[in-house]
N, C-alpha and C. Protein backbone atom coordinates (compact mmCIF):
# COMPACT_ATOMS: atom_id res chain seq x y z
N MET A 1 119.70 125.26 130.04
CA MET A 1 119.86 125.01 128.62
C MET A 1 118.56 125.46 127.91
N TYR A 2 118.75 126.19 126.85
CA TYR A 2 117.63 126.71 126.11
C TYR A 2 117.66 126.22 124.63
N ILE A 3 118.83 126.17 124.03
CA ILE A 3 118.97 125.81 122.64
C ILE A 3 118.92 124.32 122.43
N LEU A 4 119.57 123.55 123.31
CA LEU A 4 119.65 122.08 123.13
C LEU A 4 118.28 121.42 123.10
N PRO A 5 117.33 121.79 123.96
CA PRO A 5 115.98 121.20 123.87
C PRO A 5 115.32 121.48 122.52
N LEU A 6 115.54 122.70 121.99
CA LEU A 6 114.97 123.01 120.66
C LEU A 6 115.59 122.13 119.56
N VAL A 7 116.92 121.91 119.72
CA VAL A 7 117.60 121.03 118.75
C VAL A 7 117.03 119.63 118.86
N GLY A 8 116.75 119.19 120.12
CA GLY A 8 116.19 117.84 120.31
C GLY A 8 114.83 117.70 119.68
N TYR A 9 113.97 118.72 119.84
CA TYR A 9 112.62 118.68 119.21
C TYR A 9 112.73 118.65 117.68
N ALA A 10 113.66 119.45 117.17
CA ALA A 10 113.83 119.48 115.71
C ALA A 10 114.30 118.13 115.21
N GLY A 11 115.23 117.45 115.97
CA GLY A 11 115.71 116.17 115.59
C GLY A 11 114.59 115.10 115.60
N VAL A 12 113.71 115.17 116.61
CA VAL A 12 112.59 114.24 116.69
C VAL A 12 111.66 114.42 115.48
N LEU A 13 111.38 115.68 115.13
CA LEU A 13 110.50 115.94 113.99
C LEU A 13 111.12 115.45 112.69
N LEU A 14 112.43 115.71 112.50
CA LEU A 14 113.09 115.25 111.30
C LEU A 14 113.15 113.74 111.22
N GLY A 15 113.45 113.10 112.38
CA GLY A 15 113.50 111.65 112.40
C GLY A 15 112.14 111.03 112.08
N PHE A 16 111.08 111.62 112.65
CA PHE A 16 109.74 111.11 112.36
C PHE A 16 109.37 111.29 110.90
N GLY A 17 109.78 112.44 110.31
CA GLY A 17 109.51 112.65 108.88
C GLY A 17 110.27 111.67 107.99
N PHE A 18 111.55 111.43 108.27
CA PHE A 18 112.33 110.46 107.49
C PHE A 18 111.76 109.04 107.67
N LEU A 19 111.40 108.68 108.89
CA LEU A 19 110.81 107.38 109.13
C LEU A 19 109.51 107.18 108.35
N THR A 20 108.67 108.24 108.33
CA THR A 20 107.41 108.15 107.60
C THR A 20 107.65 107.97 106.11
N LEU A 21 108.62 108.73 105.56
CA LEU A 21 108.95 108.61 104.13
C LEU A 21 109.52 107.25 103.81
N ALA A 22 110.37 106.73 104.71
CA ALA A 22 110.93 105.39 104.48
C ALA A 22 109.87 104.33 104.45
N ILE A 23 108.92 104.38 105.40
CA ILE A 23 107.84 103.41 105.44
C ILE A 23 106.97 103.50 104.19
N ALA A 24 106.63 104.75 103.78
CA ALA A 24 105.81 104.92 102.59
C ALA A 24 106.52 104.42 101.34
N SER A 25 107.82 104.65 101.24
CA SER A 25 108.57 104.17 100.09
C SER A 25 108.63 102.63 100.07
N GLY A 26 108.83 102.03 101.25
CA GLY A 26 108.85 100.59 101.31
C GLY A 26 107.51 99.95 100.92
N LEU A 27 106.41 100.54 101.43
CA LEU A 27 105.10 100.01 101.09
C LEU A 27 104.83 100.19 99.60
N TYR A 28 105.24 101.28 99.04
CA TYR A 28 105.08 101.52 97.58
C TYR A 28 105.81 100.49 96.77
N TYR A 29 107.04 100.17 97.19
CA TYR A 29 107.83 99.15 96.51
C TYR A 29 107.24 97.80 96.61
N LEU A 30 106.76 97.44 97.83
CA LEU A 30 106.10 96.14 98.00
C LEU A 30 104.83 96.02 97.16
N SER A 31 104.10 97.09 97.04
CA SER A 31 102.90 97.06 96.26
C SER A 31 103.22 96.80 94.77
N GLU A 32 104.32 97.38 94.27
CA GLU A 32 104.73 97.15 92.90
C GLU A 32 105.18 95.70 92.72
N LEU A 33 105.85 95.13 93.70
CA LEU A 33 106.31 93.74 93.63
C LEU A 33 105.08 92.80 93.53
N VAL A 34 104.06 93.10 94.32
CA VAL A 34 102.85 92.26 94.31
C VAL A 34 102.16 92.35 92.93
N GLU A 35 102.15 93.54 92.33
CA GLU A 35 101.54 93.69 91.04
C GLU A 35 102.26 92.87 89.98
N GLU A 36 103.56 92.73 90.11
CA GLU A 36 104.35 92.02 89.13
C GLU A 36 104.30 90.50 89.38
N HIS A 37 104.12 90.05 90.65
CA HIS A 37 104.14 88.65 91.00
C HIS A 37 102.87 88.29 91.78
N THR A 38 101.74 88.39 91.16
CA THR A 38 100.47 88.17 91.87
C THR A 38 100.28 86.71 92.27
N VAL A 39 100.71 85.77 91.43
CA VAL A 39 100.52 84.34 91.77
C VAL A 39 101.32 83.98 93.01
N ILE A 40 102.61 84.39 93.04
CA ILE A 40 103.44 84.08 94.19
C ILE A 40 102.92 84.78 95.42
N ALA A 41 102.46 86.03 95.26
CA ALA A 41 101.95 86.78 96.42
C ALA A 41 100.71 86.09 96.99
N ARG A 42 99.84 85.56 96.13
CA ARG A 42 98.63 84.88 96.63
C ARG A 42 98.99 83.61 97.40
N LYS A 43 99.97 82.88 96.89
CA LYS A 43 100.40 81.64 97.60
C LYS A 43 100.98 82.02 98.96
N LEU A 44 101.81 83.04 99.01
CA LEU A 44 102.43 83.45 100.26
C LEU A 44 101.40 83.91 101.27
N LEU A 45 100.41 84.67 100.80
CA LEU A 45 99.36 85.18 101.70
C LEU A 45 98.53 84.02 102.23
N THR A 46 98.17 83.04 101.36
CA THR A 46 97.41 81.88 101.82
C THR A 46 98.16 81.09 102.88
N ARG A 47 99.43 80.84 102.65
CA ARG A 47 100.24 80.09 103.63
C ARG A 47 100.41 80.90 104.90
N LEU A 48 100.54 82.20 104.77
CA LEU A 48 100.67 83.07 105.96
C LEU A 48 99.44 82.99 106.80
N ILE A 49 98.23 83.00 106.19
CA ILE A 49 96.99 82.94 106.95
C ILE A 49 96.89 81.59 107.67
N TYR A 50 97.22 80.48 106.97
CA TYR A 50 97.18 79.17 107.60
C TYR A 50 98.21 79.07 108.76
N THR A 51 99.36 79.70 108.60
CA THR A 51 100.36 79.66 109.65
C THR A 51 99.89 80.40 110.90
N VAL A 52 99.26 81.54 110.70
CA VAL A 52 98.74 82.28 111.84
C VAL A 52 97.61 81.54 112.52
N ILE A 53 96.73 80.87 111.74
CA ILE A 53 95.68 80.07 112.36
C ILE A 53 96.25 78.93 113.17
N ALA A 54 97.29 78.26 112.63
CA ALA A 54 97.93 77.18 113.41
C ALA A 54 98.61 77.73 114.65
N THR A 55 99.21 78.89 114.60
CA THR A 55 99.85 79.51 115.77
C THR A 55 98.81 79.85 116.83
N GLN A 56 97.68 80.39 116.41
CA GLN A 56 96.58 80.67 117.33
C GLN A 56 96.10 79.43 118.02
N SER A 57 95.95 78.37 117.29
CA SER A 57 95.50 77.11 117.89
C SER A 57 96.48 76.57 118.88
N LEU A 58 97.77 76.64 118.57
CA LEU A 58 98.77 76.16 119.52
C LEU A 58 98.82 77.01 120.78
N LEU A 59 98.64 78.32 120.62
CA LEU A 59 98.61 79.19 121.80
C LEU A 59 97.40 78.88 122.71
N ALA A 60 96.29 78.52 122.10
CA ALA A 60 95.12 78.19 122.90
C ALA A 60 95.29 76.82 123.57
N LEU A 61 95.91 75.89 122.87
CA LEU A 61 96.03 74.53 123.46
C LEU A 61 97.17 74.42 124.49
N ILE A 62 98.31 74.99 124.17
CA ILE A 62 99.49 74.83 125.02
C ILE A 62 99.64 75.95 126.06
N ASP A 63 99.55 77.21 125.60
CA ASP A 63 99.73 78.34 126.49
C ASP A 63 98.43 78.82 127.15
N HIS A 64 97.34 78.12 126.92
CA HIS A 64 96.07 78.38 127.58
C HIS A 64 95.57 79.80 127.37
N PHE A 65 95.71 80.25 126.11
CA PHE A 65 95.07 81.51 125.75
C PHE A 65 93.54 81.38 125.79
N PRO A 66 92.80 82.43 126.05
CA PRO A 66 91.33 82.32 126.13
C PRO A 66 90.75 81.76 124.84
N TRP A 67 89.90 80.76 125.00
CA TRP A 67 89.35 80.07 123.85
C TRP A 67 88.43 80.99 123.05
N LEU A 68 87.71 81.86 123.70
CA LEU A 68 86.75 82.73 122.99
C LEU A 68 87.50 83.68 122.07
N LEU A 69 88.56 84.34 122.62
CA LEU A 69 89.30 85.29 121.80
C LEU A 69 90.12 84.57 120.71
N SER A 70 90.63 83.39 121.07
CA SER A 70 91.39 82.61 120.05
C SER A 70 90.46 82.18 118.93
N GLY A 71 89.25 81.76 119.29
CA GLY A 71 88.28 81.37 118.24
C GLY A 71 87.90 82.53 117.36
N LEU A 72 87.77 83.71 117.96
CA LEU A 72 87.47 84.92 117.18
C LEU A 72 88.61 85.22 116.22
N SER A 73 89.85 85.11 116.66
CA SER A 73 90.98 85.40 115.79
C SER A 73 91.06 84.39 114.64
N ILE A 74 90.82 83.11 114.98
CA ILE A 74 90.87 82.10 113.91
C ILE A 74 89.75 82.33 112.88
N ALA A 75 88.55 82.63 113.34
CA ALA A 75 87.42 82.93 112.45
C ALA A 75 87.73 84.22 111.62
N SER A 76 88.39 85.17 112.22
CA SER A 76 88.73 86.39 111.50
C SER A 76 89.68 86.09 110.36
N HIS A 77 90.67 85.26 110.60
CA HIS A 77 91.64 84.93 109.56
C HIS A 77 90.98 84.07 108.47
N ALA A 78 90.00 83.27 108.84
CA ALA A 78 89.26 82.53 107.82
C ALA A 78 88.50 83.49 106.93
N ILE A 79 87.99 84.58 107.50
CA ILE A 79 87.30 85.60 106.71
C ILE A 79 88.29 86.39 105.86
N TYR A 80 89.47 86.66 106.42
CA TYR A 80 90.50 87.32 105.65
C TYR A 80 90.83 86.52 104.38
N LEU A 81 90.79 85.20 104.52
CA LEU A 81 91.08 84.31 103.40
C LEU A 81 90.09 84.51 102.24
N GLY A 82 88.85 84.97 102.58
CA GLY A 82 87.87 85.19 101.53
C GLY A 82 88.21 86.34 100.65
N ASN A 83 89.10 87.25 101.08
CA ASN A 83 89.50 88.37 100.22
C ASN A 83 90.41 87.91 99.07
N LEU A 84 90.91 86.69 99.10
CA LEU A 84 91.79 86.19 98.08
C LEU A 84 91.00 85.50 96.96
N ARG A 85 89.71 85.53 97.03
CA ARG A 85 88.90 84.87 95.96
C ARG A 85 89.20 85.46 94.58
N HIS A 86 89.34 86.76 94.46
CA HIS A 86 89.58 87.42 93.21
C HIS A 86 90.90 88.20 93.28
N PHE A 87 91.84 87.67 94.00
CA PHE A 87 93.13 88.36 94.21
C PHE A 87 93.76 88.72 92.88
N PRO A 88 94.36 89.93 92.77
CA PRO A 88 94.51 90.98 93.81
C PRO A 88 93.38 92.00 93.78
N ILE A 89 92.27 91.69 93.11
CA ILE A 89 91.18 92.68 92.98
C ILE A 89 90.27 92.59 94.20
N VAL A 90 89.84 93.71 94.69
CA VAL A 90 88.87 93.72 95.79
C VAL A 90 87.91 94.90 95.58
N LYS A 91 86.66 94.64 95.84
CA LYS A 91 85.67 95.71 95.80
C LYS A 91 85.61 96.35 97.22
N LEU A 92 85.73 97.65 97.24
CA LEU A 92 85.66 98.34 98.53
C LEU A 92 84.31 98.22 99.19
N SER A 93 83.28 97.92 98.40
CA SER A 93 81.95 97.71 98.92
C SER A 93 81.60 96.25 99.13
N ASP A 94 82.59 95.36 98.96
CA ASP A 94 82.36 93.93 99.19
C ASP A 94 82.10 93.68 100.68
N PRO A 95 81.04 92.93 101.05
CA PRO A 95 80.77 92.68 102.49
C PRO A 95 81.94 91.96 103.16
N VAL A 96 82.63 91.07 102.46
CA VAL A 96 83.75 90.37 103.07
C VAL A 96 84.85 91.37 103.44
N PHE A 97 85.14 92.28 102.54
CA PHE A 97 86.17 93.31 102.81
C PHE A 97 85.77 94.21 103.96
N ILE A 98 84.49 94.64 103.99
CA ILE A 98 84.06 95.51 105.09
C ILE A 98 84.11 94.78 106.41
N VAL A 99 83.65 93.51 106.44
CA VAL A 99 83.69 92.71 107.69
C VAL A 99 85.15 92.51 108.14
N SER A 100 86.03 92.32 107.16
CA SER A 100 87.45 92.14 107.51
C SER A 100 88.02 93.38 108.20
N CYS A 101 87.69 94.57 107.69
CA CYS A 101 88.15 95.78 108.30
C CYS A 101 87.62 95.94 109.74
N LEU A 102 86.36 95.59 109.93
CA LEU A 102 85.78 95.67 111.29
C LEU A 102 86.42 94.66 112.21
N LEU A 103 86.73 93.47 111.71
CA LEU A 103 87.35 92.44 112.57
C LEU A 103 88.77 92.83 112.96
N VAL A 104 89.48 93.54 112.13
CA VAL A 104 90.82 94.01 112.49
C VAL A 104 90.74 94.91 113.73
N LEU A 105 89.82 95.86 113.71
CA LEU A 105 89.63 96.74 114.84
C LEU A 105 89.16 96.01 116.08
N LEU A 106 88.23 95.06 115.90
CA LEU A 106 87.68 94.33 117.03
C LEU A 106 88.75 93.43 117.67
N ASN A 107 89.55 92.75 116.85
CA ASN A 107 90.61 91.90 117.41
C ASN A 107 91.62 92.75 118.16
N HIS A 108 92.01 93.89 117.61
CA HIS A 108 92.97 94.74 118.28
C HIS A 108 92.44 95.22 119.63
N PHE A 109 91.21 95.64 119.69
CA PHE A 109 90.62 96.13 120.93
C PHE A 109 90.52 95.01 121.99
N LEU A 110 90.00 93.86 121.59
CA LEU A 110 89.78 92.79 122.56
C LEU A 110 91.13 92.23 123.07
N TRP A 111 92.11 92.02 122.19
CA TRP A 111 93.39 91.53 122.68
C TRP A 111 94.15 92.57 123.52
N PHE A 112 93.99 93.80 123.14
CA PHE A 112 94.63 94.89 123.96
C PHE A 112 94.02 94.91 125.37
N ARG A 113 92.72 94.77 125.44
CA ARG A 113 92.03 94.72 126.76
C ARG A 113 92.47 93.51 127.50
N HIS A 114 92.62 92.39 126.85
CA HIS A 114 93.06 91.15 127.52
C HIS A 114 94.43 91.29 128.14
N PHE A 115 95.36 91.80 127.39
CA PHE A 115 96.73 91.93 127.92
C PHE A 115 96.85 93.10 128.89
N SER A 116 95.93 94.04 128.84
CA SER A 116 96.01 95.15 129.78
C SER A 116 95.47 94.77 131.14
N HIS A 117 94.64 93.73 131.23
CA HIS A 117 94.07 93.28 132.49
C HIS A 117 94.49 91.83 132.76
N PRO A 118 95.65 91.61 133.34
CA PRO A 118 96.09 90.23 133.65
C PRO A 118 95.16 89.60 134.65
N PRO A 119 95.19 88.27 134.75
CA PRO A 119 94.33 87.56 135.73
C PRO A 119 94.68 88.01 137.14
N PRO A 120 93.70 87.89 138.05
CA PRO A 120 93.91 88.35 139.44
C PRO A 120 95.10 87.68 140.13
N SER A 121 95.35 86.45 139.82
CA SER A 121 96.44 85.73 140.51
C SER A 121 97.80 86.30 140.18
N SER A 122 97.92 86.95 138.99
CA SER A 122 99.22 87.49 138.58
C SER A 122 99.49 88.85 139.20
N ARG A 123 98.45 89.45 139.87
CA ARG A 123 98.68 90.78 140.44
C ARG A 123 99.22 90.71 141.87
N THR A 124 99.13 89.56 142.51
CA THR A 124 99.61 89.42 143.87
C THR A 124 101.14 89.35 143.83
N TYR A 125 101.73 89.97 144.83
CA TYR A 125 103.21 89.98 144.90
C TYR A 125 103.72 88.60 145.29
N PRO A 126 104.59 87.98 144.51
CA PRO A 126 105.06 86.62 144.83
C PRO A 126 105.92 86.61 146.08
N SER A 127 105.79 85.54 146.88
CA SER A 127 106.58 85.40 148.07
C SER A 127 108.00 84.96 147.77
N SER A 128 108.19 84.33 146.64
CA SER A 128 109.52 83.86 146.26
C SER A 128 109.72 84.15 144.78
N LEU A 129 110.98 84.18 144.35
CA LEU A 129 111.30 84.41 142.96
C LEU A 129 110.75 83.31 142.09
N TYR A 130 110.71 82.06 142.63
CA TYR A 130 110.24 80.91 141.86
C TYR A 130 108.72 80.85 141.79
N ASP A 131 108.03 81.63 142.62
CA ASP A 131 106.60 81.62 142.61
C ASP A 131 106.04 82.74 141.70
N ARG A 132 106.91 83.40 140.97
CA ARG A 132 106.47 84.47 140.14
C ARG A 132 105.56 83.97 139.00
N PRO A 133 104.40 84.54 138.79
CA PRO A 133 103.50 84.04 137.73
C PRO A 133 104.08 84.27 136.36
N ASP A 134 103.64 83.49 135.38
CA ASP A 134 104.12 83.57 134.03
C ASP A 134 103.39 84.68 133.30
N ILE A 135 103.90 85.93 133.43
CA ILE A 135 103.30 87.08 132.79
C ILE A 135 104.06 87.40 131.52
N PRO A 136 103.38 87.56 130.39
CA PRO A 136 104.10 87.86 129.14
C PRO A 136 104.79 89.20 129.21
N THR A 137 105.95 89.26 128.61
CA THR A 137 106.71 90.49 128.59
C THR A 137 106.20 91.44 127.48
N PHE A 138 106.69 92.64 127.47
CA PHE A 138 106.29 93.62 126.45
C PHE A 138 106.70 93.11 125.05
N THR A 139 107.91 92.50 124.95
CA THR A 139 108.35 91.99 123.66
C THR A 139 107.45 90.89 123.14
N GLU A 140 107.00 89.99 124.04
CA GLU A 140 106.11 88.91 123.67
C GLU A 140 104.74 89.44 123.22
N ILE A 141 104.23 90.41 123.94
CA ILE A 141 102.94 91.01 123.56
C ILE A 141 103.02 91.72 122.25
N ALA A 142 104.07 92.52 122.05
CA ALA A 142 104.24 93.23 120.83
C ALA A 142 104.41 92.29 119.67
N SER A 143 105.15 91.20 119.87
CA SER A 143 105.35 90.21 118.80
C SER A 143 104.03 89.53 118.48
N TYR A 144 103.24 89.25 119.51
CA TYR A 144 101.92 88.59 119.27
C TYR A 144 101.04 89.51 118.43
N PHE A 145 100.96 90.80 118.79
CA PHE A 145 100.16 91.73 118.01
C PHE A 145 100.68 91.83 116.59
N GLY A 146 102.00 91.91 116.43
CA GLY A 146 102.54 92.07 115.09
C GLY A 146 102.32 90.90 114.18
N ILE A 147 102.39 89.64 114.74
CA ILE A 147 102.26 88.47 113.90
C ILE A 147 100.85 87.96 113.83
N CYS A 148 100.15 87.90 114.92
CA CYS A 148 98.82 87.23 114.99
C CYS A 148 97.63 88.18 114.83
N VAL A 149 97.88 89.47 114.93
CA VAL A 149 96.76 90.41 114.84
C VAL A 149 96.91 91.32 113.61
N TRP A 150 98.09 91.88 113.38
CA TRP A 150 98.24 92.91 112.36
C TRP A 150 98.88 92.41 111.05
N LEU A 151 99.64 91.32 111.09
CA LEU A 151 100.44 90.93 109.93
C LEU A 151 99.59 90.62 108.69
N VAL A 152 98.57 89.80 108.86
CA VAL A 152 97.74 89.39 107.69
C VAL A 152 96.94 90.59 107.15
N PRO A 153 96.26 91.39 107.98
CA PRO A 153 95.57 92.59 107.45
C PRO A 153 96.52 93.57 106.77
N PHE A 154 97.70 93.74 107.34
CA PHE A 154 98.67 94.66 106.76
C PHE A 154 99.12 94.11 105.39
N ALA A 155 99.39 92.82 105.31
CA ALA A 155 99.81 92.22 104.04
C ALA A 155 98.70 92.34 102.98
N LEU A 156 97.46 92.13 103.40
CA LEU A 156 96.34 92.29 102.46
C LEU A 156 96.19 93.75 101.98
N PHE A 157 96.39 94.65 102.90
CA PHE A 157 96.31 96.09 102.54
C PHE A 157 97.34 96.44 101.49
N VAL A 158 98.55 95.91 101.63
CA VAL A 158 99.60 96.20 100.68
C VAL A 158 99.35 95.52 99.33
N SER A 159 98.75 94.29 99.38
CA SER A 159 98.66 93.44 98.19
C SER A 159 97.42 93.77 97.35
N LEU A 160 96.27 94.08 97.96
CA LEU A 160 95.04 94.18 97.22
C LEU A 160 95.00 95.46 96.39
N SER A 161 94.27 95.38 95.29
CA SER A 161 94.09 96.54 94.43
C SER A 161 92.62 96.93 94.41
N ALA A 162 92.32 98.20 94.39
CA ALA A 162 90.95 98.65 94.36
C ALA A 162 90.27 98.25 93.06
N GLY A 163 89.05 97.73 93.20
CA GLY A 163 88.35 97.21 92.02
C GLY A 163 87.91 98.29 91.06
N GLU A 164 87.90 99.54 91.49
CA GLU A 164 87.44 100.59 90.59
C GLU A 164 88.50 101.02 89.60
N ASN A 165 89.74 100.46 89.69
CA ASN A 165 90.82 100.87 88.81
C ASN A 165 91.27 99.74 87.90
N VAL A 166 90.37 98.84 87.52
CA VAL A 166 90.74 97.66 86.75
C VAL A 166 90.41 97.82 85.29
N LEU A 167 91.35 97.40 84.44
CA LEU A 167 91.09 97.39 83.01
C LEU A 167 90.07 96.32 82.65
N PRO A 168 89.26 96.55 81.64
CA PRO A 168 88.31 95.49 81.21
C PRO A 168 89.06 94.34 80.60
N SER A 169 89.00 93.19 81.21
CA SER A 169 89.67 91.99 80.71
C SER A 169 88.97 90.78 81.26
N MET A 170 89.42 89.64 80.86
CA MET A 170 88.81 88.39 81.32
C MET A 170 88.95 88.27 82.83
N GLY A 171 87.83 88.10 83.54
CA GLY A 171 87.86 87.97 84.98
C GLY A 171 87.71 89.30 85.71
N SER A 172 87.59 90.41 84.97
CA SER A 172 87.47 91.70 85.64
C SER A 172 86.03 92.10 85.87
N GLU A 173 85.07 91.19 85.52
CA GLU A 173 83.66 91.51 85.73
C GLU A 173 83.36 91.76 87.20
N TYR A 174 84.10 91.03 88.10
CA TYR A 174 83.85 91.20 89.53
C TYR A 174 84.19 92.59 89.99
N ALA A 175 85.27 93.14 89.43
CA ALA A 175 85.71 94.48 89.89
C ALA A 175 84.89 95.58 89.27
N THR A 176 84.54 95.45 87.95
CA THR A 176 83.87 96.53 87.26
C THR A 176 82.35 96.45 87.36
N GLY A 177 81.85 95.28 87.69
CA GLY A 177 80.43 95.12 87.84
C GLY A 177 79.68 94.97 86.51
N GLY A 178 80.41 94.70 85.42
CA GLY A 178 79.78 94.57 84.12
C GLY A 178 80.48 93.48 83.34
N SER A 179 80.20 93.41 82.06
CA SER A 179 80.85 92.42 81.20
C SER A 179 82.00 93.04 80.47
N VAL A 180 82.88 92.16 79.95
CA VAL A 180 84.06 92.66 79.28
C VAL A 180 83.71 93.39 78.04
N GLY A 181 82.73 92.93 77.28
CA GLY A 181 82.38 93.56 76.05
C GLY A 181 81.35 94.64 76.23
N GLY A 182 81.27 95.24 77.39
CA GLY A 182 80.25 96.22 77.67
C GLY A 182 80.58 97.62 77.24
N GLY A 183 81.64 97.82 76.46
CA GLY A 183 82.03 99.14 76.03
C GLY A 183 81.12 99.65 74.93
N VAL A 184 81.30 100.92 74.61
CA VAL A 184 80.52 101.57 73.55
C VAL A 184 81.24 101.42 72.23
N THR A 185 80.59 100.90 71.21
CA THR A 185 81.20 100.67 69.93
C THR A 185 81.13 101.95 69.12
N GLY A 186 82.22 102.40 68.57
CA GLY A 186 82.23 103.62 67.76
C GLY A 186 81.79 103.39 66.33
N ASP A 187 81.87 104.45 65.55
CA ASP A 187 81.44 104.37 64.15
C ASP A 187 82.35 103.48 63.33
N ASP A 188 83.61 103.37 63.73
CA ASP A 188 84.54 102.56 62.95
C ASP A 188 84.52 101.10 63.37
N GLY A 189 83.57 100.71 64.22
CA GLY A 189 83.44 99.33 64.61
C GLY A 189 84.34 98.95 65.77
N GLY A 190 85.22 99.83 66.20
CA GLY A 190 86.11 99.50 67.29
C GLY A 190 85.48 99.78 68.63
N LEU A 191 86.16 99.47 69.65
CA LEU A 191 85.66 99.71 70.98
C LEU A 191 85.85 101.18 71.35
N GLY A 192 84.77 101.86 71.60
CA GLY A 192 84.87 103.27 71.91
C GLY A 192 85.30 103.54 73.32
N ALA A 193 85.01 104.74 73.79
CA ALA A 193 85.41 105.13 75.12
C ALA A 193 84.62 104.41 76.17
N VAL A 194 85.23 103.99 77.16
CA VAL A 194 84.55 103.34 78.28
C VAL A 194 84.74 104.24 79.48
N GLY A 195 84.10 103.90 80.58
CA GLY A 195 84.16 104.73 81.76
C GLY A 195 85.54 104.89 82.31
N ASP A 196 85.72 105.97 83.05
CA ASP A 196 87.01 106.25 83.65
C ASP A 196 87.51 105.13 84.52
N SER A 197 86.58 104.49 85.23
CA SER A 197 86.95 103.46 86.17
C SER A 197 87.49 102.21 85.52
N ARG A 198 87.24 102.04 84.22
CA ARG A 198 87.71 100.82 83.52
C ARG A 198 88.93 101.05 82.67
N VAL A 199 89.22 102.32 82.39
CA VAL A 199 90.35 102.60 81.52
C VAL A 199 91.66 102.61 82.28
N ARG A 200 91.61 103.02 83.52
CA ARG A 200 92.84 103.17 84.29
C ARG A 200 93.41 101.80 84.67
N ARG A 201 94.72 101.79 84.77
CA ARG A 201 95.40 100.54 85.14
C ARG A 201 95.15 100.25 86.64
N LYS A 202 95.05 98.95 86.96
CA LYS A 202 94.81 98.57 88.33
C LYS A 202 95.95 99.06 89.20
N LYS A 203 95.59 99.49 90.39
CA LYS A 203 96.59 100.10 91.28
C LYS A 203 96.34 99.60 92.71
N GLY A 204 97.39 99.26 93.42
CA GLY A 204 97.26 98.80 94.77
C GLY A 204 96.74 99.87 95.68
N LEU A 205 96.14 99.42 96.80
CA LEU A 205 95.56 100.38 97.74
C LEU A 205 96.62 101.34 98.29
N VAL A 206 97.82 100.84 98.54
CA VAL A 206 98.88 101.70 99.09
C VAL A 206 99.30 102.72 98.04
N LYS A 207 99.52 102.24 96.80
CA LYS A 207 99.90 103.16 95.70
C LYS A 207 98.83 104.21 95.47
N ALA A 208 97.55 103.76 95.47
CA ALA A 208 96.47 104.68 95.27
C ALA A 208 96.45 105.75 96.35
N GLY A 209 96.69 105.36 97.62
CA GLY A 209 96.70 106.31 98.71
C GLY A 209 97.85 107.32 98.57
N VAL A 210 99.05 106.80 98.24
CA VAL A 210 100.20 107.70 98.13
C VAL A 210 100.00 108.65 96.92
N ASP A 211 99.50 108.12 95.80
CA ASP A 211 99.28 108.98 94.64
C ASP A 211 98.20 110.04 94.92
N TRP A 212 97.18 109.64 95.70
CA TRP A 212 96.16 110.61 96.04
C TRP A 212 96.71 111.77 96.88
N VAL A 213 97.60 111.41 97.84
CA VAL A 213 98.24 112.48 98.67
C VAL A 213 99.09 113.39 97.79
N VAL A 214 99.90 112.77 96.91
CA VAL A 214 100.77 113.60 96.04
C VAL A 214 99.96 114.49 95.15
N GLU A 215 98.88 113.93 94.56
CA GLU A 215 98.05 114.72 93.67
C GLU A 215 97.32 115.84 94.42
N SER A 216 96.92 115.58 95.64
CA SER A 216 96.28 116.64 96.44
C SER A 216 97.23 117.78 96.73
N VAL A 217 98.47 117.39 97.07
CA VAL A 217 99.47 118.45 97.34
C VAL A 217 99.74 119.27 96.09
N ARG A 218 99.84 118.61 94.93
CA ARG A 218 100.06 119.33 93.70
C ARG A 218 98.89 120.27 93.37
N GLU A 219 97.66 119.77 93.54
CA GLU A 219 96.52 120.60 93.26
C GLU A 219 96.47 121.78 94.19
N MET A 220 96.84 121.57 95.48
CA MET A 220 96.84 122.67 96.42
C MET A 220 97.86 123.70 96.07
N GLY A 221 99.06 123.27 95.64
CA GLY A 221 100.06 124.23 95.18
C GLY A 221 99.65 124.97 93.94
N ALA A 222 98.98 124.27 92.97
CA ALA A 222 98.54 124.98 91.76
C ALA A 222 97.44 125.97 92.10
N TRP A 223 96.56 125.59 93.03
CA TRP A 223 95.49 126.52 93.45
C TRP A 223 96.03 127.77 94.11
N ARG A 224 97.04 127.58 94.94
CA ARG A 224 97.61 128.73 95.61
C ARG A 224 98.35 129.62 94.61
N GLY A 225 99.05 129.01 93.64
CA GLY A 225 99.71 129.80 92.61
C GLY A 225 98.76 130.56 91.75
N GLU A 226 97.60 129.98 91.43
CA GLU A 226 96.60 130.69 90.65
C GLU A 226 95.99 131.83 91.47
N LYS A 227 95.83 131.60 92.76
CA LYS A 227 95.23 132.65 93.59
C LYS A 227 96.19 133.84 93.71
N ARG A 228 97.51 133.56 93.78
CA ARG A 228 98.46 134.66 93.85
C ARG A 228 98.48 135.49 92.56
N ARG A 229 98.34 134.78 91.44
CA ARG A 229 98.34 135.49 90.14
C ARG A 229 97.12 136.43 90.04
N ARG A 230 96.04 136.05 90.59
CA ARG A 230 94.82 136.91 90.49
C ARG A 230 95.02 138.21 91.27
N PHE A 231 95.75 138.09 92.39
CA PHE A 231 95.96 139.28 93.19
C PHE A 231 97.24 140.02 92.76
């Protein structure tokens, strides 16, 4: 067979493309929902973080998960909670935000290494079916990563808005780094032009990323069209 494998590769590529577009569209829609219902989103995120912390504690107490790694995960979620101080605004240069990003990578690496190297007693071949050690299945490990490691950072990534895109208003001093009345007054006594970073409407991190990709593609197409016209 020569044609069928090519058809299979084309199907995989198309499926991957459609899946990517579906995920991007879903994230874009969720980001818009958070912008419209920020109070509800903050409550849900706070309860979600507390639920994950409680789950981590139960896993350490009942299922005997390693105390050191469990304590690191609980401390990480406590730091994630600090990103909700000025929700949904976040400064990309905020130390809490930077530490949160590093903790996401650290938690993923340490828990992946933990589940990749089971304890020595679980590697021995059991003499009986009833002596089989309690080894977590792939579904349990994937569910643990999805809920206890990735869920809160992913929800924060969808919900938070970059502080550089905030309109000057009450409470926006944290994002813009200045005062609300810090604009330039024109000759007519009104508020004149302010910086680009304060005029634009606040935008979620996901929406900003998608818009940046779309704008880059448009600029690339316009640049190629201009180059063809010259020649």
